[in-house]
Protein backbone atom coordinates (compact mmCIF):
# COMPACT_ATOMS: atom_id res chain seq x y z
CA THR A 1 146.97 161.06 258.61
CA ASP A 2 148.01 158.47 256.00
CA LYS A 3 150.69 158.86 253.36
CA GLY A 4 150.03 158.05 249.70
CA LEU A 5 146.81 158.04 247.72
CA THR A 6 143.77 158.99 249.76
CA PHE A 7 140.14 159.19 248.67
CA MET A 8 137.98 161.87 250.28
CA ASN A 9 134.27 162.44 250.58
CA THR A 10 133.99 166.11 249.57
CA PRO A 11 131.15 168.46 248.66
CA GLY A 12 129.62 167.82 245.22
CA ASN A 13 129.99 171.32 243.76
CA ASP A 14 133.15 171.65 241.67
CA ILE A 15 134.77 174.63 243.38
CA GLU A 16 133.87 173.54 246.92
CA GLN A 17 135.12 170.04 246.10
CA LEU A 18 138.60 171.26 245.18
CA SER A 19 138.69 173.62 248.17
CA GLY A 20 137.75 170.72 250.46
CA MET A 21 140.46 168.47 249.04
CA VAL A 22 143.14 171.16 249.40
CA ALA A 23 141.98 172.01 252.93
CA GLY A 24 142.26 168.30 253.75
CA GLY A 25 145.92 168.27 252.69
CA CYS A 26 145.76 167.35 249.00
CA ASN A 27 148.98 168.23 247.15
CA VAL A 28 147.76 167.49 243.61
CA CYS A 29 144.11 167.46 242.54
CA VAL A 30 142.70 165.35 239.70
CA PHE A 31 139.46 166.87 238.43
CA THR A 32 137.28 164.91 236.00
CA THR A 33 134.73 166.62 233.81
CA GLY A 34 132.27 165.60 231.14
CA ARG A 35 130.82 169.00 230.31
CA GLY A 36 134.03 170.99 230.54
CA THR A 37 134.02 172.79 233.86
CA PRO A 38 137.37 174.65 233.80
CA THR A 39 137.94 174.37 237.55
CA GLY A 40 141.36 174.65 239.09
CA SER A 41 143.01 175.57 242.37
CA PRO A 42 145.43 178.44 242.96
CA ILE A 43 146.93 176.49 245.88
CA ALA A 44 147.47 172.98 244.47
CA PRO A 45 148.11 171.86 240.88
CA THR A 46 144.97 170.51 239.24
CA ILE A 47 145.09 167.89 236.49
CA LYS A 48 141.91 168.20 234.43
CA VAL A 49 140.63 165.01 232.77
CA SER A 50 137.87 165.00 230.14
CA SER A 51 135.65 161.95 229.93
CA ASN A 52 134.77 162.57 226.28
CA THR A 53 136.59 163.68 223.15
CA PHE A 54 133.96 166.29 222.18
CA THR A 55 134.61 168.29 225.34
CA PHE A 56 138.37 167.84 225.03
CA ASN A 57 138.37 169.12 221.43
CA ASN A 58 136.25 172.15 222.36
CA MET A 59 138.25 173.03 225.47
CA ASN A 60 141.68 171.54 224.82
CA ASP A 61 143.35 174.69 226.15
CA ALA A 62 141.77 174.03 229.58
CA ILE A 63 141.85 170.20 229.72
CA ASP A 64 145.02 168.21 230.36
CA LEU A 65 144.01 164.65 229.46
CA ASN A 66 141.40 163.20 227.11
CA ALA A 67 140.05 159.97 228.63
CA GLY A 68 137.34 159.90 225.96
CA THR A 69 139.62 157.91 223.68
CA VAL A 70 139.60 155.08 226.23
CA VAL A 71 135.80 155.11 226.39
CA GLU A 72 135.62 155.11 222.58
CA GLY A 73 138.08 152.21 222.38
CA THR A 74 140.55 154.05 220.15
CA LYS A 75 143.30 154.05 222.81
CA THR A 76 144.21 152.04 225.87
CA ILE A 77 144.69 153.66 229.28
CA ASN A 78 148.47 153.42 228.86
CA GLN A 79 148.34 155.01 225.40
CA SER A 80 146.22 157.91 226.64
CA ARG A 81 148.66 158.65 229.47
CA THR A 82 151.53 159.26 227.06
CA GLU A 83 149.86 162.07 225.09
């Protein structure tokens, strides 16, 4: 019922989680992964964020943003957003 950014308590399984968010009215999903689950939604755009560079390098065709560089300290959050 609120406009703007909303956090939801969804099921823990990747596919059910995205389905729950879209069913709840989500327009854009942000999916974080450490092991490289290539989950997306055919209904709402899904931005896939990797939490480590190893996974990003091995699946860079399926991951949109590498947040591993922030964890490693090689880039700031702002620098990683501009890639």
